[in-house]
Every structure is written in structure tokens, then in C-alpha cells.
């Protein structure tokens, strides 16, 4: 299905954490539309 791709700076960035949490809240609505979120940062696994 469609993909929502977000590049973030890292878990040390408070703005990134707020963004990731906000996107988590719409996950059920996105799933209902057949879409998923994936986030990418330069930090190790």
C-alpha cells in the first residue's frame, strides 16, 4: 500500500519525538486507508 516516509534527526531531537508520537496517533486511520508509516534516522538500530 501507500507509504508515509519520514526522515528524522534522531531520538535526541525533542521535535522529532513529538512528530513521531503525533504520527503514531494517526496509525489506525492510516491502516484503515491501507497505508503505513516508516521513519528513518541516521542512528544505529
ModelCIF file with pLDDT and N, C-alpha, C, O atoms, coordinates in Angstrom:
data_MODEL
#
_entry.id   MODEL 
#
_entity.id                         1 
_entity.type                       polymer 
_entity.pdbx_number_of_molecules   1 
#
_entity_poly.entity_id                      1 
_entity_poly.type                           'polypeptide(L)' 
_entity_poly.nstd_linkage                   no 
_entity_poly.nstd_monomer                   no 
_entity_poly.pdbx_seq_one_letter_code       
;(UNK)(UNK)(UNK)(UNK)(UNK)(UNK)(UNK)(UNK)(UNK)(UNK)(UNK)(UNK)(UNK)(UNK)(UNK)(UNK)
(UNK)(UNK)(UNK)(UNK)(UNK)(UNK)(UNK)(UNK)(UNK)(UNK)(UNK)(UNK)(UNK)(UNK)(UNK)(UNK)
(UNK)(UNK)(UNK)(UNK)(UNK)(UNK)(UNK)(UNK)(UNK)(UNK)(UNK)(UNK)(UNK)
;
_entity_poly.pdbx_seq_one_letter_code_can   XXXXXXXXXXXXXXXXXXXXXXXXXXXXXXXXXXXXXXXXXXXXX 
_entity_poly.pdbx_strand_id                 A 
#
loop_
_entity_poly_seq.entity_id 
_entity_poly_seq.num 
_entity_poly_seq.mon_id 
_entity_poly_seq.hetero 
1 1  UNK n 
1 2  UNK n 
1 3  UNK n 
1 4  UNK n 
1 5  UNK n 
1 6  UNK n 
1 7  UNK n 
1 8  UNK n 
1 9  UNK n 
1 10 UNK n 
1 11 UNK n 
1 12 UNK n 
1 13 UNK n 
1 14 UNK n 
1 15 UNK n 
1 16 UNK n 
1 17 UNK n 
1 18 UNK n 
1 19 UNK n 
1 20 UNK n 
1 21 UNK n 
1 22 UNK n 
1 23 UNK n 
1 24 UNK n 
1 25 UNK n 
1 26 UNK n 
1 27 UNK n 
1 28 UNK n 
1 29 UNK n 
1 30 UNK n 
1 31 UNK n 
1 32 UNK n 
1 33 UNK n 
1 34 UNK n 
1 35 UNK n 
1 36 UNK n 
1 37 UNK n 
1 38 UNK n 
1 39 UNK n 
1 40 UNK n 
1 41 UNK n 
1 42 UNK n 
1 43 UNK n 
1 44 UNK n 
1 45 UNK n 
#
_struct_asym.id          A 
_struct_asym.entity_id   1 
#
loop_
_ma_qa_metric.id 
_ma_qa_metric.mode 
_ma_qa_metric.name 
_ma_qa_metric.software_group_id 
_ma_qa_metric.type 
1 global pLDDT . pLDDT 
2 local  pLDDT . pLDDT 
#
_ma_qa_metric_global.metric_id      1 
_ma_qa_metric_global.metric_value   96.60 
_ma_qa_metric_global.model_id       1 
_ma_qa_metric_global.ordinal_id     1 
#
loop_
_ma_qa_metric_local.label_asym_id 
_ma_qa_metric_local.label_comp_id 
_ma_qa_metric_local.label_seq_id 
_ma_qa_metric_local.metric_id 
_ma_qa_metric_local.metric_value 
_ma_qa_metric_local.model_id 
_ma_qa_metric_local.ordinal_id 
A UNK 1  2 96.00 1 1  
A UNK 2  2 97.00 1 2  
A UNK 3  2 98.00 1 3  
A UNK 4  2 98.00 1 4  
A UNK 5  2 98.00 1 5  
A UNK 6  2 98.00 1 6  
A UNK 7  2 98.00 1 7  
A UNK 8  2 97.00 1 8  
A UNK 9  2 96.00 1 9  
A UNK 10 2 96.00 1 10 
A UNK 11 2 96.00 1 11 
A UNK 12 2 94.00 1 12 
A UNK 13 2 94.00 1 13 
A UNK 14 2 94.00 1 14 
A UNK 15 2 94.00 1 15 
A UNK 16 2 96.00 1 16 
A UNK 17 2 96.00 1 17 
A UNK 18 2 96.00 1 18 
A UNK 19 2 97.00 1 19 
A UNK 20 2 97.00 1 20 
A UNK 21 2 97.00 1 21 
A UNK 22 2 97.00 1 22 
A UNK 23 2 97.00 1 23 
A UNK 24 2 97.00 1 24 
A UNK 25 2 96.00 1 25 
A UNK 26 2 97.00 1 26 
A UNK 27 2 96.00 1 27 
A UNK 28 2 96.00 1 28 
A UNK 29 2 96.00 1 29 
A UNK 30 2 97.00 1 30 
A UNK 31 2 96.00 1 31 
A UNK 32 2 96.00 1 32 
A UNK 33 2 95.00 1 33 
A UNK 34 2 96.00 1 34 
A UNK 35 2 97.00 1 35 
A UNK 36 2 97.00 1 36 
A UNK 37 2 98.00 1 37 
A UNK 38 2 98.00 1 38 
A UNK 39 2 98.00 1 39 
A UNK 40 2 98.00 1 40 
A UNK 41 2 98.00 1 41 
A UNK 42 2 98.00 1 42 
A UNK 43 2 97.00 1 43 
A UNK 44 2 97.00 1 44 
A UNK 45 2 96.00 1 45 
#
loop_
_atom_site.group_PDB 
_atom_site.id 
_atom_site.type_symbol 
_atom_site.label_atom_id 
_atom_site.label_alt_id 
_atom_site.label_comp_id 
_atom_site.label_asym_id 
_atom_site.label_entity_id 
_atom_site.label_seq_id 
_atom_site.pdbx_PDB_ins_code 
_atom_site.Cartn_x 
_atom_site.Cartn_y 
_atom_site.Cartn_z 
_atom_site.occupancy 
_atom_site.B_iso_or_equiv 
_atom_site.pdbx_formal_charge 
_atom_site.auth_seq_id 
_atom_site.auth_comp_id 
_atom_site.auth_asym_id 
_atom_site.auth_atom_id 
_atom_site.pdbx_PDB_model_num 
ATOM 1   N N  . UNK A 1 1  ? 0.827  -1.202 0.000  1.00 96.00 ? 1  UNK A N  1 
ATOM 2   C CA . UNK A 1 1  ? 0.000  0.000  0.000  1.00 96.00 ? 1  UNK A CA 1 
ATOM 3   C C  . UNK A 1 1  ? 0.862  1.252  0.000  1.00 96.00 ? 1  UNK A C  1 
ATOM 4   O O  . UNK A 1 1  ? 2.089  1.162  -0.036 1.00 96.00 ? 1  UNK A O  1 
ATOM 5   N N  . UNK A 1 2  ? 0.225  2.427  0.040  1.00 97.00 ? 2  UNK A N  1 
ATOM 6   C CA . UNK A 1 2  ? 0.981  3.696  0.081  1.00 97.00 ? 2  UNK A CA 1 
ATOM 7   C C  . UNK A 1 2  ? 1.851  3.766  1.337  1.00 97.00 ? 2  UNK A C  1 
ATOM 8   O O  . UNK A 1 2  ? 1.547  3.151  2.359  1.00 97.00 ? 2  UNK A O  1 
ATOM 9   N N  . UNK A 1 3  ? 2.933  4.527  1.236  1.00 98.00 ? 3  UNK A N  1 
ATOM 10  C CA . UNK A 1 3  ? 3.878  4.647  2.353  1.00 98.00 ? 3  UNK A CA 1 
ATOM 11  C C  . UNK A 1 3  ? 4.040  6.114  2.741  1.00 98.00 ? 3  UNK A C  1 
ATOM 12  O O  . UNK A 1 3  ? 4.238  6.980  1.888  1.00 98.00 ? 3  UNK A O  1 
ATOM 13  N N  . UNK A 1 4  ? 3.953  6.374  4.038  1.00 98.00 ? 4  UNK A N  1 
ATOM 14  C CA . UNK A 1 4  ? 4.309  7.678  4.591  1.00 98.00 ? 4  UNK A CA 1 
ATOM 15  C C  . UNK A 1 4  ? 5.727  7.525  5.126  1.00 98.00 ? 4  UNK A C  1 
ATOM 16  O O  . UNK A 1 4  ? 5.961  6.807  6.099  1.00 98.00 ? 4  UNK A O  1 
ATOM 17  N N  . UNK A 1 5  ? 6.666  8.206  4.484  1.00 98.00 ? 5  UNK A N  1 
ATOM 18  C CA . UNK A 1 5  ? 8.079  8.088  4.835  1.00 98.00 ? 5  UNK A CA 1 
ATOM 19  C C  . UNK A 1 5  ? 8.541  9.375  5.492  1.00 98.00 ? 5  UNK A C  1 
ATOM 20  O O  . UNK A 1 5  ? 8.388  10.460 4.930  1.00 98.00 ? 5  UNK A O  1 
ATOM 21  N N  . UNK A 1 6  ? 9.103  9.253  6.674  1.00 98.00 ? 6  UNK A N  1 
ATOM 22  C CA . UNK A 1 6  ? 9.593  10.460 7.339  1.00 98.00 ? 6  UNK A CA 1 
ATOM 23  C C  . UNK A 1 6  ? 11.045 10.290 7.753  1.00 98.00 ? 6  UNK A C  1 
ATOM 24  O O  . UNK A 1 6  ? 11.404 9.296  8.384  1.00 98.00 ? 6  UNK A O  1 
ATOM 25  N N  . UNK A 1 7  ? 11.877 11.258 7.399  1.00 98.00 ? 7  UNK A N  1 
ATOM 26  C CA . UNK A 1 7  ? 13.274 11.303 7.838  1.00 98.00 ? 7  UNK A CA 1 
ATOM 27  C C  . UNK A 1 7  ? 13.342 12.179 9.076  1.00 98.00 ? 7  UNK A C  1 
ATOM 28  O O  . UNK A 1 7  ? 12.896 13.326 9.053  1.00 98.00 ? 7  UNK A O  1 
ATOM 29  N N  . UNK A 1 8  ? 13.904 11.640 10.168 1.00 97.00 ? 8  UNK A N  1 
ATOM 30  C CA . UNK A 1 8  ? 14.066 12.452 11.377 1.00 97.00 ? 8  UNK A CA 1 
ATOM 31  C C  . UNK A 1 8  ? 15.528 12.443 11.814 1.00 97.00 ? 8  UNK A C  1 
ATOM 32  O O  . UNK A 1 8  ? 16.309 11.591 11.392 1.00 97.00 ? 8  UNK A O  1 
ATOM 33  N N  . UNK A 1 9  ? 15.880 13.388 12.652 1.00 96.00 ? 9  UNK A N  1 
ATOM 34  C CA . UNK A 1 9  ? 17.276 13.617 13.007 1.00 96.00 ? 9  UNK A CA 1 
ATOM 35  C C  . UNK A 1 9  ? 17.819 12.592 13.995 1.00 96.00 ? 9  UNK A C  1 
ATOM 36  O O  . UNK A 1 9  ? 18.984 12.201 13.920 1.00 96.00 ? 9  UNK A O  1 
ATOM 37  N N  . UNK A 1 10 ? 16.968 12.161 14.920 1.00 96.00 ? 10 UNK A N  1 
ATOM 38  C CA . UNK A 1 10 ? 17.383 11.186 15.924 1.00 96.00 ? 10 UNK A CA 1 
ATOM 39  C C  . UNK A 1 10 ? 16.526 11.271 17.164 1.00 96.00 ? 10 UNK A C  1 
ATOM 40  O O  . UNK A 1 10 ? 15.802 12.246 17.363 1.00 96.00 ? 10 UNK A O  1 
ATOM 41  N N  . UNK A 1 11 ? 16.608 10.260 17.991 1.00 96.00 ? 11 UNK A N  1 
ATOM 42  C CA . UNK A 1 11 ? 15.835 10.223 19.226 1.00 96.00 ? 11 UNK A CA 1 
ATOM 43  C C  . UNK A 1 11 ? 16.248 11.289 20.222 1.00 96.00 ? 11 UNK A C  1 
ATOM 44  O O  . UNK A 1 11 ? 15.533 11.539 21.192 1.00 96.00 ? 11 UNK A O  1 
ATOM 45  N N  . UNK A 1 12 ? 17.415 11.934 19.991 1.00 94.00 ? 12 UNK A N  1 
ATOM 46  C CA . UNK A 1 12 ? 17.898 13.012 20.854 1.00 94.00 ? 12 UNK A CA 1 
ATOM 47  C C  . UNK A 1 12 ? 17.189 14.338 20.545 1.00 94.00 ? 12 UNK A C  1 
ATOM 48  O O  . UNK A 1 12 ? 17.312 15.302 21.300 1.00 94.00 ? 12 UNK A O  1 
ATOM 49  N N  . UNK A 1 13 ? 16.450 14.379 19.437 1.00 94.00 ? 13 UNK A N  1 
ATOM 50  C CA . UNK A 1 13 ? 15.801 15.625 18.995 1.00 94.00 ? 13 UNK A CA 1 
ATOM 51  C C  . UNK A 1 13 ? 14.363 15.667 19.512 1.00 94.00 ? 13 UNK A C  1 
ATOM 52  O O  . UNK A 1 13 ? 13.533 14.864 19.087 1.00 94.00 ? 13 UNK A O  1 
ATOM 53  N N  . UNK A 1 14 ? 14.059 16.598 20.426 1.00 94.00 ? 14 UNK A N  1 
ATOM 54  C CA . UNK A 1 14 ? 12.708 16.619 21.017 1.00 94.00 ? 14 UNK A CA 1 
ATOM 55  C C  . UNK A 1 14 ? 11.606 16.886 19.988 1.00 94.00 ? 14 UNK A C  1 
ATOM 56  O O  . UNK A 1 14 ? 10.489 16.393 20.137 1.00 94.00 ? 14 UNK A O  1 
ATOM 57  N N  . UNK A 1 15 ? 11.913 17.658 18.952 1.00 94.00 ? 15 UNK A N  1 
ATOM 58  C CA . UNK A 1 15 ? 10.912 17.942 17.913 1.00 94.00 ? 15 UNK A CA 1 
ATOM 59  C C  . UNK A 1 15 ? 10.578 16.664 17.146 1.00 94.00 ? 15 UNK A C  1 
ATOM 60  O O  . UNK A 1 15 ? 9.426  16.424 16.783 1.00 94.00 ? 15 UNK A O  1 
ATOM 61  N N  . UNK A 1 16 ? 11.601 15.853 16.907 1.00 96.00 ? 16 UNK A N  1 
ATOM 62  C CA . UNK A 1 16 ? 11.396 14.569 16.209 1.00 96.00 ? 16 UNK A CA 1 
ATOM 63  C C  . UNK A 1 16 ? 10.505 13.647 17.040 1.00 96.00 ? 16 UNK A C  1 
ATOM 64  O O  . UNK A 1 16 ? 9.605  12.998 16.507 1.00 96.00 ? 16 UNK A O  1 
ATOM 65  N N  . UNK A 1 17 ? 10.759 13.593 18.343 1.00 96.00 ? 17 UNK A N  1 
ATOM 66  C CA . UNK A 1 17 ? 9.950  12.721 19.191 1.00 96.00 ? 17 UNK A CA 1 
ATOM 67  C C  . UNK A 1 17 ? 8.487  13.156 19.216 1.00 96.00 ? 17 UNK A C  1 
ATOM 68  O O  . UNK A 1 17 ? 7.585  12.319 19.188 1.00 96.00 ? 17 UNK A O  1 
ATOM 69  N N  . UNK A 1 18 ? 8.257  14.465 19.268 1.00 96.00 ? 18 UNK A N  1 
ATOM 70  C CA . UNK A 1 18 ? 6.875  14.974 19.217 1.00 96.00 ? 18 UNK A CA 1 
ATOM 71  C C  . UNK A 1 18 ? 6.215  14.583 17.900 1.00 96.00 ? 18 UNK A C  1 
ATOM 72  O O  . UNK A 1 18 ? 5.052  14.180 17.874 1.00 96.00 ? 18 UNK A O  1 
ATOM 73  N N  . UNK A 1 19 ? 6.973  14.706 16.798 1.00 97.00 ? 19 UNK A N  1 
ATOM 74  C CA . UNK A 1 19 ? 6.451  14.360 15.483 1.00 97.00 ? 19 UNK A CA 1 
ATOM 75  C C  . UNK A 1 19 ? 6.126  12.867 15.398 1.00 97.00 ? 19 UNK A C  1 
ATOM 76  O O  . UNK A 1 19 ? 5.048  12.493 14.937 1.00 97.00 ? 19 UNK A O  1 
ATOM 77  N N  . UNK A 1 20 ? 7.048  12.022 15.837 1.00 97.00 ? 20 UNK A N  1 
ATOM 78  C CA . UNK A 1 20 ? 6.839  10.571 15.767 1.00 97.00 ? 20 UNK A CA 1 
ATOM 79  C C  . UNK A 1 20 ? 5.618  10.155 16.595 1.00 97.00 ? 20 UNK A C  1 
ATOM 80  O O  . UNK A 1 20 ? 4.831  9.308  16.170 1.00 97.00 ? 20 UNK A O  1 
ATOM 81  N N  . UNK A 1 21 ? 5.468  10.756 17.777 1.00 97.00 ? 21 UNK A N  1 
ATOM 82  C CA . UNK A 1 21 ? 4.301  10.442 18.625 1.00 97.00 ? 21 UNK A CA 1 
ATOM 83  C C  . UNK A 1 21 ? 3.004  10.898 17.964 1.00 97.00 ? 21 UNK A C  1 
ATOM 84  O O  . UNK A 1 21 ? 1.990  10.204 18.037 1.00 97.00 ? 21 UNK A O  1 
ATOM 85  N N  . UNK A 1 22 ? 3.034  12.060 17.321 1.00 97.00 ? 22 UNK A N  1 
ATOM 86  C CA . UNK A 1 22 ? 1.837  12.573 16.633 1.00 97.00 ? 22 UNK A CA 1 
ATOM 87  C C  . UNK A 1 22 ? 1.461  11.648 15.472 1.00 97.00 ? 22 UNK A C  1 
ATOM 88  O O  . UNK A 1 22 ? 0.278  11.420 15.218 1.00 97.00 ? 22 UNK A O  1 
ATOM 89  N N  . UNK A 1 23 ? 2.462  11.119 14.770 1.00 97.00 ? 23 UNK A N  1 
ATOM 90  C CA . UNK A 1 23 ? 2.192  10.218 13.646 1.00 97.00 ? 23 UNK A CA 1 
ATOM 91  C C  . UNK A 1 23 ? 1.690  8.856  14.153 1.00 97.00 ? 23 UNK A C  1 
ATOM 92  O O  . UNK A 1 23 ? 0.860  8.211  13.511 1.00 97.00 ? 23 UNK A O  1 
ATOM 93  N N  . UNK A 1 24 ? 2.206  8.434  15.305 1.00 97.00 ? 24 UNK A N  1 
ATOM 94  C CA . UNK A 1 24 ? 1.700  7.199  15.931 1.00 97.00 ? 24 UNK A CA 1 
ATOM 95  C C  . UNK A 1 24 ? 0.188  7.305  16.176 1.00 97.00 ? 24 UNK A C  1 
ATOM 96  O O  . UNK A 1 24 ? -0.542 6.327  16.014 1.00 97.00 ? 24 UNK A O  1 
ATOM 97  N N  . UNK A 1 25 ? -0.270 8.495  16.567 1.00 96.00 ? 25 UNK A N  1 
ATOM 98  C CA . UNK A 1 25 ? -1.700 8.661  16.883 1.00 96.00 ? 25 UNK A CA 1 
ATOM 99  C C  . UNK A 1 25 ? -2.604 8.487  15.662 1.00 96.00 ? 25 UNK A C  1 
ATOM 100 O O  . UNK A 1 25 ? -3.778 8.150  15.818 1.00 96.00 ? 25 UNK A O  1 
ATOM 101 N N  . UNK A 1 26 ? -2.084 8.709  14.450 1.00 97.00 ? 26 UNK A N  1 
ATOM 102 C CA . UNK A 1 26 ? -2.932 8.536  13.254 1.00 97.00 ? 26 UNK A CA 1 
ATOM 103 C C  . UNK A 1 26 ? -2.733 7.165  12.599 1.00 97.00 ? 26 UNK A C  1 
ATOM 104 O O  . UNK A 1 26 ? -3.286 6.898  11.532 1.00 97.00 ? 26 UNK A O  1 
ATOM 105 N N  . UNK A 1 27 ? -1.952 6.310  13.234 1.00 96.00 ? 27 UNK A N  1 
ATOM 106 C CA . UNK A 1 27 ? -1.672 4.991  12.665 1.00 96.00 ? 27 UNK A CA 1 
ATOM 107 C C  . UNK A 1 27 ? -2.939 4.183  12.368 1.00 96.00 ? 27 UNK A C  1 
ATOM 108 O O  . UNK A 1 27 ? -3.037 3.586  11.295 1.00 96.00 ? 27 UNK A O  1 
ATOM 109 N N  . UNK A 1 28 ? -3.917 4.146  13.296 1.00 96.00 ? 28 UNK A N  1 
ATOM 110 C CA . UNK A 1 28 ? -5.142 3.391  12.996 1.00 96.00 ? 28 UNK A CA 1 
ATOM 111 C C  . UNK A 1 28 ? -5.877 3.920  11.760 1.00 96.00 ? 28 UNK A C  1 
ATOM 112 O O  . UNK A 1 28 ? -6.372 3.139  10.947 1.00 96.00 ? 28 UNK A O  1 
ATOM 113 N N  . UNK A 1 29 ? -5.944 5.246  11.624 1.00 96.00 ? 29 UNK A N  1 
ATOM 114 C CA . UNK A 1 29 ? -6.618 5.841  10.458 1.00 96.00 ? 29 UNK A CA 1 
ATOM 115 C C  . UNK A 1 29 ? -5.858 5.524  9.171  1.00 96.00 ? 29 UNK A C  1 
ATOM 116 O O  . UNK A 1 29 ? -6.470 5.242  8.141  1.00 96.00 ? 29 UNK A O  1 
ATOM 117 N N  . UNK A 1 30 ? -4.543 5.571  9.229  1.00 97.00 ? 30 UNK A N  1 
ATOM 118 C CA . UNK A 1 30 ? -3.735 5.240  8.049  1.00 97.00 ? 30 UNK A CA 1 
ATOM 119 C C  . UNK A 1 30 ? -3.898 3.768  7.683  1.00 97.00 ? 30 UNK A C  1 
ATOM 120 O O  . UNK A 1 30 ? -4.024 3.425  6.507  1.00 97.00 ? 30 UNK A O  1 
ATOM 121 N N  . UNK A 1 31 ? -3.895 2.901  8.697  1.00 96.00 ? 31 UNK A N  1 
ATOM 122 C CA . UNK A 1 31 ? -4.065 1.464  8.451  1.00 96.00 ? 31 UNK A CA 1 
ATOM 123 C C  . UNK A 1 31 ? -5.404 1.192  7.771  1.00 96.00 ? 31 UNK A C  1 
ATOM 124 O O  . UNK A 1 31 ? -5.497 0.345  6.884  1.00 96.00 ? 31 UNK A O  1 
ATOM 125 N N  . UNK A 1 32 ? -6.435 1.915  8.192  1.00 96.00 ? 32 UNK A N  1 
ATOM 126 C CA . UNK A 1 32 ? -7.760 1.760  7.591  1.00 96.00 ? 32 UNK A CA 1 
ATOM 127 C C  . UNK A 1 32 ? -7.752 2.179  6.122  1.00 96.00 ? 32 UNK A C  1 
ATOM 128 O O  . UNK A 1 32 ? -8.571 1.707  5.333  1.00 96.00 ? 32 UNK A O  1 
ATOM 129 N N  . UNK A 1 33 ? -6.824 3.066  5.757  1.00 95.00 ? 33 UNK A N  1 
ATOM 130 C CA . UNK A 1 33 ? -6.688 3.507  4.368  1.00 95.00 ? 33 UNK A CA 1 
ATOM 131 C C  . UNK A 1 33 ? -5.684 2.639  3.596  1.00 95.00 ? 33 UNK A C  1 
ATOM 132 O O  . UNK A 1 33 ? -5.402 2.895  2.425  1.00 95.00 ? 33 UNK A O  1 
ATOM 133 N N  . UNK A 1 34 ? -5.149 1.611  4.268  1.00 96.00 ? 34 UNK A N  1 
ATOM 134 C CA . UNK A 1 34 ? -4.217 0.703  3.612  1.00 96.00 ? 34 UNK A CA 1 
ATOM 135 C C  . UNK A 1 34 ? -2.796 1.211  3.538  1.00 96.00 ? 34 UNK A C  1 
ATOM 136 O O  . UNK A 1 34 ? -1.971 0.653  2.814  1.00 96.00 ? 34 UNK A O  1 
ATOM 137 N N  . UNK A 1 35 ? -2.496 2.279  4.291  1.00 97.00 ? 35 UNK A N  1 
ATOM 138 C CA . UNK A 1 35 ? -1.165 2.889  4.245  1.00 97.00 ? 35 UNK A CA 1 
ATOM 139 C C  . UNK A 1 35 ? -0.384 2.572  5.514  1.00 97.00 ? 35 UNK A C  1 
ATOM 140 O O  . UNK A 1 35 ? -0.958 2.209  6.540  1.00 97.00 ? 35 UNK A O  1 
ATOM 141 N N  . UNK A 1 36 ? 0.938  2.717  5.424  1.00 97.00 ? 36 UNK A N  1 
ATOM 142 C CA . UNK A 1 36 ? 1.776  2.546  6.615  1.00 97.00 ? 36 UNK A CA 1 
ATOM 143 C C  . UNK A 1 36 ? 2.831  3.638  6.689  1.00 97.00 ? 36 UNK A C  1 
ATOM 144 O O  . UNK A 1 36 ? 3.173  4.282  5.697  1.00 97.00 ? 36 UNK A O  1 
ATOM 145 N N  . UNK A 1 37 ? 3.337  3.820  7.915  1.00 98.00 ? 37 UNK A N  1 
ATOM 146 C CA . UNK A 1 37 ? 4.380  4.820  8.164  1.00 98.00 ? 37 UNK A CA 1 
ATOM 147 C C  . UNK A 1 37 ? 5.706  4.099  8.330  1.00 98.00 ? 37 UNK A C  1 
ATOM 148 O O  . UNK A 1 37 ? 5.760  3.011  8.903  1.00 98.00 ? 37 UNK A O  1 
ATOM 149 N N  . UNK A 1 38 ? 6.777  4.703  7.828  1.00 98.00 ? 38 UNK A N  1 
ATOM 150 C CA . UNK A 1 38 ? 8.120  4.238  8.126  1.00 98.00 ? 38 UNK A CA 1 
ATOM 151 C C  . UNK A 1 38 ? 8.985  5.472  8.381  1.00 98.00 ? 38 UNK A C  1 
ATOM 152 O O  . UNK A 1 38 ? 8.923  6.453  7.641  1.00 98.00 ? 38 UNK A O  1 
ATOM 153 N N  . UNK A 1 39 ? 9.796  5.404  9.448  1.00 98.00 ? 39 UNK A N  1 
ATOM 154 C CA . UNK A 1 39 ? 10.643 6.532  9.819  1.00 98.00 ? 39 UNK A CA 1 
ATOM 155 C C  . UNK A 1 39 ? 12.108 6.126  9.682  1.00 98.00 ? 39 UNK A C  1 
ATOM 156 O O  . UNK A 1 39 ? 12.473 4.986  9.973  1.00 98.00 ? 39 UNK A O  1 
ATOM 157 N N  . UNK A 1 40 ? 12.945 7.067  9.237  1.00 98.00 ? 40 UNK A N  1 
ATOM 158 C CA . UNK A 1 40 ? 14.370 6.796  9.016  1.00 98.00 ? 40 UNK A CA 1 
ATOM 159 C C  . UNK A 1 40 ? 15.208 7.839  9.750  1.00 98.00 ? 40 UNK A C  1 
ATOM 160 O O  . UNK A 1 40 ? 14.943 9.037  9.650  1.00 98.00 ? 40 UNK A O  1 
ATOM 161 N N  . UNK A 1 41 ? 16.225 7.377  10.491 1.00 98.00 ? 41 UNK A N  1 
ATOM 162 C CA . UNK A 1 41 ? 17.182 8.302  11.103 1.00 98.00 ? 41 UNK A CA 1 
ATOM 163 C C  . UNK A 1 41 ? 18.595 7.778  10.887 1.00 98.00 ? 41 UNK A C  1 
ATOM 164 O O  . UNK A 1 41 ? 18.778 6.616  10.524 1.00 98.00 ? 41 UNK A O  1 
ATOM 165 N N  . UNK A 1 42 ? 19.609 8.638  11.110 1.00 98.00 ? 42 UNK A N  1 
ATOM 166 C CA . UNK A 1 42 ? 20.993 8.179  10.955 1.00 98.00 ? 42 UNK A CA 1 
ATOM 167 C C  . UNK A 1 42 ? 21.510 7.371  12.141 1.00 98.00 ? 42 UNK A C  1 
ATOM 168 O O  . UNK A 1 42 ? 22.676 6.977  12.152 1.00 98.00 ? 42 UNK A O  1 
ATOM 169 N N  . UNK A 1 43 ? 20.673 7.120  13.128 1.00 97.00 ? 43 UNK A N  1 
ATOM 170 C CA . UNK A 1 43 ? 21.126 6.431  14.337 1.00 97.00 ? 43 UNK A CA 1 
ATOM 171 C C  . UNK A 1 43 ? 21.118 4.913  14.147 1.00 97.00 ? 43 UNK A C  1 
ATOM 172 O O  . UNK A 1 43 ? 20.361 4.398  13.324 1.00 97.00 ? 43 UNK A O  1 
ATOM 173 N N  . UNK A 1 44 ? 21.954 4.195  14.900 1.00 97.00 ? 44 UNK A N  1 
ATOM 174 C CA . UNK A 1 44 ? 22.008 2.739  14.760 1.00 97.00 ? 44 UNK A CA 1 
ATOM 175 C C  . UNK A 1 44 ? 20.738 2.059  15.281 1.00 97.00 ? 44 UNK A C  1 
ATOM 176 O O  . UNK A 1 44 ? 19.970 2.666  16.028 1.00 97.00 ? 44 UNK A O  1 
ATOM 177 N N  . UNK A 1 45 ? 20.517 0.786  14.883 1.00 96.00 ? 45 UNK A N  1 
ATOM 178 C CA . UNK A 1 45 ? 19.277 0.088  15.268 1.00 96.00 ? 45 UNK A CA 1 
ATOM 179 C C  . UNK A 1 45 ? 19.001 0.066  16.765 1.00 96.00 ? 45 UNK A C  1 
ATOM 180 O O  . UNK A 1 45 ? 17.992 -0.491 17.199 1.00 96.00 ? 45 UNK A O  1 
#
